[in-house]
């Protein structure tokens, strides 16, 4: 398979034009154009650098997302910063910092740098650009985030009761959901939200929880910082940050671009141009 076909595959999956892929990869738009027109046979360094900057890798005869979770983590911090700002200007987006507890913080910073080059991350964000950023992160990190270690337990419809039991047992935890879902099942980001804990097997053992089939029970996921950082209180339960809940909900439901756009617009971001 030619380099041109891989690049077209990446652009198709991320819905990118040549100029945006070029900015992500730190090359000129003409370079992408010449490769796709078979006018330029790129060096391996140039080609692999473009793929890496887009969050993709070669997988047989197609380009596939790397699954690296750092893109989702980077997007979570962006969303949390946006929710803290008031008005259309978000100067804090250019001053984002990675918590000291994070492993490999440079990977997260690298995504912010790429997204700034692409025009998705700025002090004056737009809803469309934020949607592009979030959807890209969801696609790139989706395979890895969906494969995070954990166990599925109990009845998925009773995730609220399970969260209360975990809370009462004194375990550190966070439900990846919004507060509205605690009262109205249809208001959540995911039909059955994740519950992050430090040791899923221990929680299941102490609470005598029965294992369930994926999609039927509640996913107890091993927290890999920063899921337990900056929790939000909601009706006696501990929730993840809003950004974390949105990213998880989109990944777990394999969200389309327009679902990303509608969700961000609904989540009080409709004030952005």
Protein backbone atom coordinates (compact mmCIF):
# COMPACT_ATOMS: atom_id res chain seq x y z
CA UNK A 1 0.00 0.00 0.00
CA UNK A 2 1.40 3.40 -1.01
CA UNK A 3 2.07 6.18 1.50
CA UNK A 4 -0.56 8.19 -0.35
CA UNK A 5 -3.27 5.66 0.47
CA UNK A 6 -2.37 5.60 4.16
CA UNK A 7 -2.54 9.39 4.38
CA UNK A 8 -5.88 9.48 2.60
CA UNK A 9 -7.12 6.81 5.02
CA UNK A 10 -6.05 8.93 8.01
CA UNK A 11 -7.74 12.01 6.58
CA UNK A 12 -10.92 10.05 5.91
CA UNK A 13 -11.11 8.65 9.44
CA UNK A 14 -10.40 12.01 11.09
CA UNK A 15 -12.28 14.02 8.44
CA UNK A 16 -9.27 16.27 7.82
CA UNK A 17 -8.31 18.34 4.83
CA UNK A 18 -4.72 18.25 3.61
CA UNK A 19 -3.82 21.55 5.22
CA UNK A 20 -4.92 20.43 8.70
CA UNK A 21 -3.05 17.13 8.45
CA UNK A 22 0.00 19.09 7.33
CA UNK A 23 -0.22 21.43 10.33
CA UNK A 24 -0.58 18.49 12.72
CA UNK A 25 2.46 16.84 11.17
CA UNK A 26 4.54 20.01 11.00
CA UNK A 27 4.96 19.85 7.21
CA UNK A 28 3.73 22.02 4.36
CA UNK A 29 0.32 21.37 2.76
CA UNK A 30 2.10 20.91 -0.56
CA UNK A 31 4.03 17.99 0.94
CA UNK A 32 0.79 16.16 1.76
CA UNK A 33 -0.59 17.01 -1.68
CA UNK A 34 2.49 15.78 -3.53
CA UNK A 35 2.56 12.53 -1.54
CA UNK A 36 -1.11 11.85 -2.27
CA UNK A 37 -0.63 12.66 -5.96
CA UNK A 38 2.34 10.24 -6.07
CA UNK A 39 4.65 13.11 -7.00
CA UNK A 40 6.75 12.64 -3.86
CA UNK A 41 7.99 9.44 -2.26
CA UNK A 42 8.50 10.53 1.36
CA UNK A 43 11.32 9.32 3.56
CA UNK A 44 10.29 6.95 6.32
CA UNK A 45 11.02 9.68 8.87
CA UNK A 46 8.67 12.16 7.20
CA UNK A 47 5.93 9.61 6.60
CA UNK A 48 6.02 8.08 10.09
CA UNK A 49 6.17 11.55 11.64
CA UNK A 50 2.95 12.57 9.89
CA UNK A 51 1.20 9.37 10.98
CA UNK A 52 2.39 9.76 14.57
CA UNK A 53 1.29 13.39 14.76
CA UNK A 54 -2.17 12.33 13.59
CA UNK A 55 -2.28 9.54 16.18
CA UNK A 56 -2.18 6.70 13.67
CA UNK A 57 0.00 3.74 12.76
CA UNK A 58 0.25 1.22 9.94
CA UNK A 59 -1.87 -1.87 10.53
CA UNK A 60 -1.67 -4.20 7.55
CA UNK A 61 -3.29 -2.54 4.56
CA UNK A 62 -4.83 0.36 6.48
CA UNK A 63 -4.02 3.12 8.92
CA UNK A 64 -5.29 2.49 12.44
CA UNK A 65 -5.47 4.66 15.58
CA UNK A 66 -2.59 4.01 17.95
CA UNK A 67 -4.94 3.71 20.93
CA UNK A 68 -2.53 5.76 23.03
CA UNK A 69 -4.55 7.19 25.96
CA UNK A 70 -2.55 10.43 26.09
CA UNK A 71 -4.74 12.10 23.44
CA UNK A 72 -7.87 11.49 25.53
CA UNK A 73 -6.12 12.77 28.65
CA UNK A 74 -5.01 15.90 26.80
CA UNK A 75 -8.56 16.52 25.53
CA UNK A 76 -10.00 16.00 29.01
CA UNK A 77 -7.78 18.79 30.38
CA UNK A 78 -8.83 21.06 27.51
CA UNK A 79 -12.54 20.53 28.22
CA UNK A 80 -12.13 21.01 31.97
CA UNK A 81 -10.30 24.28 31.32
CA UNK A 82 -13.06 25.45 28.97
CA UNK A 83 -15.75 24.69 31.55
CA UNK A 84 -13.91 26.84 34.11
CA UNK A 85 -13.77 29.87 31.83
CA UNK A 86 -16.54 32.43 31.41
CA UNK A 87 -17.21 34.02 28.05
CA UNK A 88 -15.82 33.29 24.60
CA UNK A 89 -12.18 33.91 25.55
CA UNK A 90 -10.23 31.10 27.21
CA UNK A 91 -6.68 32.33 27.88
CA UNK A 92 -6.21 29.37 30.20
CA UNK A 93 -6.13 27.03 27.20
CA UNK A 94 -2.67 28.34 26.35
CA UNK A 95 -1.46 27.86 29.93
CA UNK A 96 -2.48 24.24 30.51
CA UNK A 97 -0.32 22.25 32.89
CA UNK A 98 0.05 18.51 33.41
CA UNK A 99 -0.35 17.32 37.04
CA UNK A 100 2.87 16.12 38.65
CA UNK A 101 1.25 12.74 39.31
CA UNK A 102 0.92 12.06 35.57
CA UNK A 103 3.17 9.50 33.94
CA UNK A 104 4.78 10.60 30.67
CA UNK A 105 3.53 14.21 30.82
CA UNK A 106 5.43 15.09 27.65
CA UNK A 107 3.03 12.97 25.60
CA UNK A 108 0.10 15.10 26.80
CA UNK A 109 1.94 18.36 26.11
CA UNK A 110 2.80 17.14 22.62
CA UNK A 111 -0.91 16.85 21.77
CA UNK A 112 -1.53 20.41 22.91
CA UNK A 113 1.30 21.59 20.67
CA UNK A 114 -0.10 19.69 17.67
CA UNK A 115 -3.62 20.97 18.28
CA UNK A 116 -2.35 24.54 18.49
CA UNK A 117 -0.63 24.09 15.14
CA UNK A 118 -3.86 22.71 13.69
CA UNK A 119 -5.79 25.75 14.97
CA UNK A 120 -8.02 23.66 17.25
CA UNK A 121 -6.56 24.96 20.51
CA UNK A 122 -6.44 28.70 21.06
CA UNK A 123 -7.44 31.43 23.48
CA UNK A 124 -10.54 32.05 21.36
CA UNK A 125 -11.94 28.57 20.72
CA UNK A 126 -14.91 27.86 18.51
CA UNK A 127 -17.40 25.06 18.96
CA UNK A 128 -16.40 23.50 15.63
CA UNK A 129 -12.70 23.50 16.47
CA UNK A 130 -13.28 22.07 19.93
CA UNK A 131 -15.44 19.37 18.33
CA UNK A 132 -12.62 18.55 15.89
CA UNK A 133 -10.15 18.31 18.77
CA UNK A 134 -12.37 16.11 20.93
CA UNK A 135 -13.44 13.79 18.11
CA UNK A 136 -9.84 13.34 17.04
CA UNK A 137 -8.82 12.41 20.60
CA UNK A 138 -11.76 10.01 20.93
CA UNK A 139 -10.80 8.19 17.72
CA UNK A 140 -7.09 8.06 18.52
CA UNK A 141 -7.39 6.90 22.14
CA UNK A 142 -10.59 4.88 21.79
CA UNK A 143 -9.05 1.40 21.32
CA UNK A 144 -6.72 1.83 24.30
CA UNK A 145 -9.30 3.40 26.61
CA UNK A 146 -11.85 0.69 25.84
CA UNK A 147 -9.24 -1.96 26.67
CA UNK A 148 -8.30 -0.53 30.07
CA UNK A 149 -7.96 -3.23 32.77
CA UNK A 150 -10.99 -3.83 34.93
CA UNK A 151 -13.92 -6.11 35.66
CA UNK A 152 -17.61 -5.99 34.76
CA UNK A 153 -19.92 -6.72 37.67
CA UNK A 154 -23.54 -6.77 38.77
CA UNK A 155 -26.50 -5.30 36.92
CA UNK A 156 -25.67 -2.30 34.75
CA UNK A 157 -29.03 -0.73 35.49
CA UNK A 158 -28.07 -0.51 39.17
CA UNK A 159 -24.81 1.39 38.77
CA UNK A 160 -25.98 4.14 41.14
CA UNK A 161 -26.57 1.66 43.96
CA UNK A 162 -23.18 0.07 43.32
CA UNK A 163 -21.46 3.46 43.47
CA UNK A 164 -23.10 4.10 46.85
CA UNK A 165 -21.87 0.74 48.14
CA UNK A 166 -18.34 1.51 46.98
CA UNK A 167 -18.56 4.90 48.67
CA UNK A 168 -19.87 3.43 51.93
CA UNK A 169 -17.10 0.82 51.92
CA UNK A 170 -14.53 3.61 51.91
CA UNK A 171 -12.89 2.96 48.55
CA UNK A 172 -11.49 5.80 46.48
CA UNK A 173 -13.63 5.99 43.34
CA UNK A 174 -15.25 8.25 40.75
CA UNK A 175 -18.24 7.64 38.49
CA UNK A 176 -17.58 8.85 34.95
CA UNK A 177 -20.92 10.56 34.44
CA UNK A 178 -22.75 13.87 34.90
CA UNK A 179 -24.91 14.78 37.88
CA UNK A 180 -28.13 14.82 35.84
CA UNK A 181 -27.79 11.09 35.15
CA UNK A 182 -28.08 10.37 38.87
CA UNK A 183 -31.74 11.40 38.76
CA UNK A 184 -32.70 10.76 35.13
CA UNK A 185 -31.27 7.62 33.45
CA UNK A 186 -31.66 9.08 29.97
CA UNK A 187 -29.63 12.19 30.76
CA UNK A 188 -26.28 10.44 30.95
CA UNK A 189 -23.39 10.29 28.51
CA UNK A 190 -23.37 6.49 28.50
CA UNK A 191 -26.07 3.87 29.22
CA UNK A 192 -23.78 2.28 31.83
CA UNK A 193 -21.00 4.61 33.00
CA UNK A 194 -17.57 3.53 34.11
CA UNK A 195 -16.68 3.55 37.79
CA UNK A 196 -12.98 4.17 38.36
CA UNK A 197 -11.31 2.54 41.37
CA UNK A 198 -7.71 1.81 42.25
CA UNK A 199 -8.12 -1.99 42.34
CA UNK A 200 -11.24 -3.37 40.60
CA UNK A 201 -10.64 -6.98 41.66
CA UNK A 202 -10.31 -5.99 45.31
CA UNK A 203 -13.51 -3.93 45.21
CA UNK A 204 -15.37 -6.81 43.58
CA UNK A 205 -14.05 -9.25 46.18
CA UNK A 206 -14.75 -7.12 49.25
CA UNK A 207 -18.28 -6.28 48.11
CA UNK A 208 -18.94 -9.87 46.91
CA UNK A 209 -19.87 -8.71 43.42
CA UNK A 210 -20.66 -11.23 40.71
CA UNK A 211 -18.96 -10.87 37.35
CA UNK A 212 -21.18 -9.97 34.40
CA UNK A 213 -20.91 -9.94 30.63
CA UNK A 214 -19.60 -6.73 29.02
CA UNK A 215 -22.49 -4.44 28.21
CA UNK A 216 -24.67 -6.05 30.87
CA UNK A 217 -22.87 -5.14 34.08
CA UNK A 218 -21.09 -2.12 35.53
CA UNK A 219 -17.48 -1.65 34.35
CA UNK A 220 -15.10 -1.18 37.27
CA UNK A 221 -11.99 0.28 35.66
CA UNK A 222 -8.52 0.55 37.15
CA UNK A 223 -7.79 4.25 37.49
CA UNK A 224 -4.74 5.41 35.60
CA UNK A 225 -4.25 8.98 36.78
CA UNK A 226 -5.86 11.45 36.41
CA UNK A 227 -9.35 9.84 36.46
CA UNK A 228 -9.61 10.21 40.24
CA UNK A 229 -8.25 13.77 40.26
CA UNK A 230 -10.55 16.78 40.62
CA UNK A 231 -13.74 14.84 41.45
CA UNK A 232 -17.14 16.52 41.49
CA UNK A 233 -19.83 15.84 44.09
CA UNK A 234 -23.27 14.84 42.89
CA UNK A 235 -26.12 13.58 45.06
CA UNK A 236 -23.79 11.94 47.62
CA UNK A 237 -21.66 10.34 44.90
CA UNK A 238 -18.22 11.25 43.63
CA UNK A 239 -18.08 11.98 39.90
CA UNK A 240 -15.12 12.44 37.59
CA UNK A 241 -14.39 15.87 36.17
CA UNK A 242 -16.86 16.95 33.44
CA UNK A 243 -14.20 16.64 30.77
CA UNK A 244 -13.36 13.08 31.81
CA UNK A 245 -17.02 12.05 31.80
CA UNK A 246 -17.60 13.49 28.33
CA UNK A 247 -14.52 11.83 26.83
CA UNK A 248 -15.41 8.46 28.36
CA UNK A 249 -19.02 8.68 27.23
CA UNK A 250 -18.00 9.47 23.67
CA UNK A 251 -15.40 6.70 23.56
CA UNK A 252 -17.68 4.06 25.05
CA UNK A 253 -20.51 4.87 22.64
CA UNK A 254 -18.26 5.16 19.53
CA UNK A 255 -19.63 8.66 18.98
CA UNK A 256 -19.90 10.28 15.57
CA UNK A 257 -18.66 13.80 14.87
CA UNK A 258 -22.16 15.23 15.11
CA UNK A 259 -22.76 13.57 18.46
CA UNK A 260 -19.57 15.23 19.70
CA UNK A 261 -20.76 18.58 18.34
CA UNK A 262 -24.26 18.25 19.82
CA UNK A 263 -22.94 17.11 23.20
CA UNK A 264 -20.51 20.02 23.51
CA UNK A 265 -23.18 22.46 22.39
CA UNK A 266 -25.61 21.03 24.95
CA UNK A 267 -22.96 21.22 27.66
CA UNK A 268 -23.16 25.02 27.82
CA UNK A 269 -20.63 25.48 25.01
CA UNK A 270 -23.24 26.83 22.64
CA UNK A 271 -22.04 30.32 23.61
CA UNK A 272 -18.89 29.75 21.57
CA UNK A 273 -18.96 30.90 17.95
